Amino acid sequence: MMQVYGECIGATVSVAALISQLGAGGCELILDGTSALLDTDFALWIGAIGPFAATCASRDETGHCLAVFKEPIDPAIIEHFTAEAC
């Protein structure tokens, strides 16, 4: 499974994230301990690439967030991170 570090930047707080299940329409995030403070809408940096406008469609108490991109990201970006994980 591909995992890469990233950062979620909201209007009031920035949160480190471990990104997995990256696809054109969204990804799964494991947010750090301040995840409860992250806004529903945020900018996601995937490694040093971004920002991508995203919404946290669902979140649980353990810091998992299902992020949905407001616009699909380019398949070349997904391919870059998939190839990097191999």
Protein backbone atom coordinates (compact mmCIF):
# COMPACT_ATOMS: atom_id res chain seq x y z
CA MET A 1 0.00 0.00 0.00
CA MET A 2 1.33 3.41 -0.99
CA GLN A 3 1.78 5.84 1.89
CA VAL A 4 3.26 9.31 1.73
CA TYR A 5 3.47 12.16 4.18
CA GLY A 6 1.55 15.33 3.55
CA GLU A 7 -0.01 18.33 5.22
CA CYS A 8 -3.58 19.58 5.49
CA ILE A 9 -3.84 23.35 5.72
CA GLY A 10 -7.14 24.74 6.96
CA ALA A 11 -8.20 28.29 7.69
CA THR A 12 -7.07 28.06 11.32
CA VAL A 13 -4.68 25.11 11.65
CA SER A 14 -2.22 22.93 9.73
CA VAL A 15 -2.13 19.20 10.42
CA ALA A 16 0.43 16.59 9.36
CA ALA A 17 -1.06 13.58 7.60
CA LEU A 18 -0.13 10.14 6.37
CA ILE A 19 -1.78 9.71 2.96
CA SER A 20 -2.88 6.38 1.52
CA GLN A 21 -5.33 5.06 -1.07
CA LEU A 22 -4.52 8.01 -3.33
CA GLY A 23 -6.82 8.27 -6.33
CA ALA A 24 -7.96 10.97 -8.74
CA GLY A 25 -11.03 11.73 -6.62
CA GLY A 26 -9.63 11.51 -3.11
CA CYS A 27 -7.56 9.65 -0.56
CA GLU A 28 -7.48 8.36 2.98
CA LEU A 29 -5.69 10.42 5.62
CA ILE A 30 -4.41 9.56 9.06
CA LEU A 31 -4.18 12.91 10.80
CA ASP A 32 -1.97 13.80 13.76
CA GLY A 33 -3.32 14.59 17.23
CA THR A 34 -4.71 18.02 16.33
CA SER A 35 -7.07 16.55 13.72
CA ALA A 36 -10.18 17.65 15.60
CA LEU A 37 -9.20 21.26 14.88
CA LEU A 38 -8.91 20.79 11.11
CA ASP A 39 -11.60 22.52 9.05
CA THR A 40 -13.89 20.41 6.85
CA ASP A 41 -12.48 22.19 3.77
CA PHE A 42 -8.70 22.36 3.50
CA ALA A 43 -5.74 22.42 1.12
CA LEU A 44 -3.79 19.17 0.91
CA TRP A 45 -0.10 18.99 0.09
CA ILE A 46 1.02 15.54 -1.04
CA GLY A 47 4.70 15.51 -0.26
CA ALA A 48 5.89 18.73 -1.92
CA ILE A 49 3.11 18.72 -4.54
CA GLY A 50 -0.01 20.82 -4.11
CA PRO A 51 -2.05 22.41 -2.85
CA PHE A 52 -5.17 20.44 -3.76
CA ALA A 53 -8.55 21.69 -2.53
CA ALA A 54 -10.21 18.93 -0.51
CA THR A 55 -13.10 18.22 1.84
CA CYS A 56 -13.10 15.77 4.73
CA ALA A 57 -16.16 13.67 3.82
CA SER A 58 -15.95 11.61 7.01
CA ARG A 59 -13.73 11.55 10.06
CA ASP A 60 -13.52 9.35 13.13
CA GLU A 61 -12.14 9.81 16.63
CA THR A 62 -8.85 8.10 15.76
CA GLY A 63 -7.85 10.73 13.19
CA HIS A 64 -8.85 8.90 10.01
CA CYS A 65 -10.34 11.16 7.35
CA LEU A 66 -11.77 10.28 3.96
CA ALA A 67 -10.72 13.25 1.82
CA VAL A 68 -12.49 14.09 -1.43
CA PHE A 69 -10.77 16.39 -3.92
CA LYS A 70 -12.84 19.30 -5.23
CA GLU A 71 -11.33 18.63 -8.67
CA PRO A 72 -9.71 15.36 -9.78
CA ILE A 73 -5.93 15.35 -9.60
CA ASP A 74 -3.84 14.48 -12.62
CA PRO A 75 -3.19 10.74 -13.10
CA ALA A 76 0.54 11.52 -13.53
CA ILE A 77 0.65 12.64 -9.89
CA ILE A 78 -0.90 9.38 -8.72
CA GLU A 79 1.49 7.43 -10.94
CA HIS A 80 4.44 9.35 -9.48
CA PHE A 81 3.59 8.35 -5.92
CA THR A 82 2.61 4.80 -6.87
CA ALA A 83 5.96 4.29 -8.64
CA GLU A 84 7.79 5.82 -5.67
CA ALA A 85 6.21 3.27 -3.31
CA CYS A 86 7.43 0.27 -5.35
